[in-house]
N, C-alpha and C. Protein backbone atom coordinates (compact mmCIF):
# COMPACT_ATOMS: atom_id res chain seq x y z
N MET A 1 133.72 91.34 171.95
CA MET A 1 133.97 90.27 172.89
C MET A 1 133.97 90.78 174.33
N ASN A 2 134.50 91.97 174.56
CA ASN A 2 134.55 92.54 175.89
C ASN A 2 133.16 92.89 176.39
N ASP A 3 132.29 93.38 175.51
CA ASP A 3 130.93 93.71 175.91
C ASP A 3 130.18 92.48 176.37
N ASN A 4 130.42 91.35 175.75
CA ASN A 4 129.77 90.10 176.13
C ASN A 4 130.17 89.71 177.55
N ASN A 5 131.44 89.87 177.91
CA ASN A 5 131.90 89.55 179.26
C ASN A 5 131.26 90.47 180.29
N GLU A 6 131.13 91.77 179.93
CA GLU A 6 130.50 92.71 180.85
C GLU A 6 129.03 92.38 181.04
N ASN A 7 128.35 92.02 179.97
CA ASN A 7 126.94 91.64 180.09
C ASN A 7 126.77 90.40 180.94
N ASN A 8 127.65 89.42 180.78
CA ASN A 8 127.59 88.21 181.60
C ASN A 8 127.79 88.55 183.07
N PHE A 9 128.71 89.47 183.35
CA PHE A 9 128.95 89.88 184.74
C PHE A 9 127.68 90.46 185.35
N PHE A 10 127.03 91.37 184.63
CA PHE A 10 125.82 92.00 185.15
C PHE A 10 124.67 91.02 185.27
N VAL A 11 124.56 90.09 184.34
CA VAL A 11 123.48 89.10 184.40
C VAL A 11 123.70 88.16 185.58
N LYS A 12 124.95 87.73 185.78
CA LYS A 12 125.24 86.80 186.88
C LYS A 12 125.07 87.46 188.24
N ASN A 13 125.39 88.74 188.35
CA ASN A 13 125.39 89.42 189.65
C ASN A 13 124.28 90.44 189.79
N LEU A 14 123.20 90.29 189.04
CA LEU A 14 122.10 91.25 189.09
C LEU A 14 121.48 91.33 190.48
N GLY A 15 121.30 90.20 191.13
CA GLY A 15 120.71 90.19 192.47
C GLY A 15 121.57 90.95 193.47
N ALA A 16 122.88 90.75 193.40
CA ALA A 16 123.78 91.45 194.31
C ALA A 16 123.79 92.95 194.04
N ILE A 17 123.75 93.32 192.78
CA ILE A 17 123.74 94.74 192.43
C ILE A 17 122.46 95.41 192.92
N ILE A 18 121.33 94.75 192.73
CA ILE A 18 120.05 95.29 193.21
C ILE A 18 120.07 95.37 194.74
N GLY A 19 120.63 94.36 195.39
CA GLY A 19 120.72 94.36 196.85
C GLY A 19 121.56 95.52 197.37
N ILE A 20 122.67 95.81 196.70
CA ILE A 20 123.53 96.92 197.10
C ILE A 20 122.80 98.25 196.94
N ILE A 21 122.08 98.40 195.84
CA ILE A 21 121.33 99.64 195.61
C ILE A 21 120.26 99.82 196.68
N ILE A 22 119.53 98.76 196.99
CA ILE A 22 118.50 98.84 198.03
C ILE A 22 119.11 99.15 199.38
N ALA A 23 120.25 98.52 199.69
CA ALA A 23 120.92 98.78 200.97
C ALA A 23 121.37 100.23 201.07
N LEU A 24 121.89 100.78 199.99
CA LEU A 24 122.29 102.18 200.01
C LEU A 24 121.10 103.12 200.22
N ILE A 25 120.00 102.81 199.56
CA ILE A 25 118.80 103.64 199.73
C ILE A 25 118.31 103.56 201.17
N LEU A 26 118.28 102.36 201.73
CA LEU A 26 117.84 102.20 203.12
C LEU A 26 118.76 102.92 204.09
N ALA A 27 120.05 102.83 203.86
CA ALA A 27 121.01 103.48 204.75
C ALA A 27 120.90 105.00 204.67
N CYS A 28 120.68 105.52 203.48
CA CYS A 28 120.59 106.98 203.31
C CYS A 28 119.29 107.55 203.84
N THR A 29 118.25 106.78 203.90
CA THR A 29 116.95 107.30 204.32
C THR A 29 116.56 106.86 205.73
N SER A 30 117.42 106.15 206.40
CA SER A 30 117.17 105.65 207.76
C SER A 30 115.99 104.69 207.82
N LEU A 31 115.62 104.10 206.69
CA LEU A 31 114.57 103.09 206.70
C LEU A 31 115.09 101.75 207.22
N TYR A 32 116.41 101.67 207.38
CA TYR A 32 116.98 100.41 207.86
C TYR A 32 116.46 100.06 209.24
N ARG A 33 116.08 101.06 210.03
CA ARG A 33 115.55 100.78 211.37
C ARG A 33 114.24 99.99 211.28
N ILE A 34 113.40 100.37 210.35
CA ILE A 34 112.14 99.66 210.14
C ILE A 34 112.41 98.24 209.65
N VAL A 35 113.35 98.11 208.72
CA VAL A 35 113.68 96.79 208.18
C VAL A 35 114.23 95.89 209.27
N ILE A 36 115.10 96.44 210.12
CA ILE A 36 115.66 95.65 211.22
C ILE A 36 114.56 95.20 212.18
N ALA A 37 113.61 96.08 212.45
CA ALA A 37 112.49 95.71 213.34
C ALA A 37 111.65 94.60 212.73
N ILE A 38 111.38 94.69 211.44
CA ILE A 38 110.58 93.65 210.77
C ILE A 38 111.33 92.33 210.77
N VAL A 39 112.62 92.36 210.48
CA VAL A 39 113.42 91.14 210.49
C VAL A 39 113.44 90.54 211.90
N ALA A 40 113.59 91.38 212.91
CA ALA A 40 113.60 90.89 214.29
C ALA A 40 112.27 90.22 214.65
N MET A 41 111.16 90.76 214.17
CA MET A 41 109.86 90.15 214.44
C MET A 41 109.76 88.77 213.79
N PHE A 42 110.23 88.66 212.54
CA PHE A 42 110.17 87.37 211.86
C PHE A 42 111.09 86.35 212.53
N VAL A 43 112.26 86.78 212.98
CA VAL A 43 113.18 85.86 213.67
C VAL A 43 112.56 85.41 214.98
N GLY A 44 111.96 86.32 215.71
CA GLY A 44 111.29 85.97 216.96
C GLY A 44 110.15 85.01 216.75
N ALA A 45 109.38 85.24 215.69
CA ALA A 45 108.26 84.33 215.39
C ALA A 45 108.77 82.95 215.01
N TYR A 46 109.86 82.91 214.25
CA TYR A 46 110.43 81.61 213.84
C TYR A 46 110.96 80.85 215.06
N ILE A 47 111.65 81.55 215.95
CA ILE A 47 112.17 80.89 217.15
C ILE A 47 111.03 80.39 218.02
N GLY A 48 110.00 81.21 218.18
CA GLY A 48 108.84 80.80 218.97
C GLY A 48 108.15 79.58 218.39
N ARG A 49 107.99 79.56 217.08
CA ARG A 49 107.37 78.41 216.42
C ARG A 49 108.23 77.16 216.58
N TYR A 50 109.54 77.32 216.41
CA TYR A 50 110.45 76.19 216.57
C TYR A 50 110.36 75.62 217.98
N LEU A 51 110.37 76.49 218.97
CA LEU A 51 110.29 76.02 220.36
C LEU A 51 108.95 75.36 220.65
N GLN A 52 107.89 75.86 220.05
CA GLN A 52 106.57 75.28 220.28
C GLN A 52 106.51 73.85 219.75
N TYR A 53 107.08 73.62 218.59
CA TYR A 53 106.99 72.30 217.98
C TYR A 53 108.10 71.35 218.39
N ASN A 54 109.15 71.85 219.01
CA ASN A 54 110.29 71.00 219.40
C ASN A 54 110.64 71.23 220.86
N LYS A 55 109.64 71.15 221.73
CA LYS A 55 109.85 71.46 223.15
C LYS A 55 110.89 70.55 223.79
N GLU A 56 110.76 69.28 223.60
CA GLU A 56 111.66 68.33 224.25
C GLU A 56 113.09 68.50 223.75
N GLU A 57 113.25 68.64 222.46
CA GLU A 57 114.59 68.80 221.89
C GLU A 57 115.22 70.11 222.39
N ALA A 58 114.42 71.15 222.48
CA ALA A 58 114.92 72.44 222.96
C ALA A 58 115.32 72.35 224.43
N LYS A 59 114.51 71.65 225.22
CA LYS A 59 114.85 71.47 226.64
C LYS A 59 116.17 70.72 226.80
N ASP A 60 116.36 69.67 226.01
CA ASP A 60 117.60 68.91 226.08
C ASP A 60 118.81 69.77 225.70
N LYS A 61 118.66 70.57 224.67
CA LYS A 61 119.76 71.44 224.24
C LYS A 61 120.11 72.46 225.31
N VAL A 62 119.08 73.03 225.95
CA VAL A 62 119.32 74.01 227.00
C VAL A 62 120.00 73.35 228.20
N LYS A 63 119.55 72.15 228.57
CA LYS A 63 120.16 71.43 229.69
C LYS A 63 121.62 71.14 229.42
N LYS A 64 121.93 70.68 228.20
CA LYS A 64 123.32 70.38 227.84
C LYS A 64 124.16 71.65 227.86
N PHE A 65 123.61 72.76 227.40
CA PHE A 65 124.34 74.02 227.38
C PHE A 65 124.63 74.49 228.81
N ILE A 66 123.62 74.38 229.69
CA ILE A 66 123.80 74.80 231.08
C ILE A 66 124.81 73.90 231.77
N ASP A 67 124.79 72.61 231.48
CA ASP A 67 125.75 71.68 232.09
C ASP A 67 127.18 72.02 231.68
N LYS A 68 127.36 72.50 230.46
CA LYS A 68 128.70 72.88 230.00
C LYS A 68 129.22 74.10 230.74
N LEU A 69 128.33 74.97 231.13
CA LEU A 69 128.74 76.19 231.86
C LEU A 69 129.14 75.80 233.25
């Protein structure tokens, strides 16, 4: 009965366990710098795309934010 509970734990949390192992490998090998750069590029591309397609909404949000300051 105890083995079944342990197996359920590993099956439910397999993604988190794999993520922790990958994070440890990245941290130990300094590859995290490359990963951070790639993530930053994707975030920048997403923000640029959002601003391109929602110019008016973005302008209104910026104006409201500046008015609050």
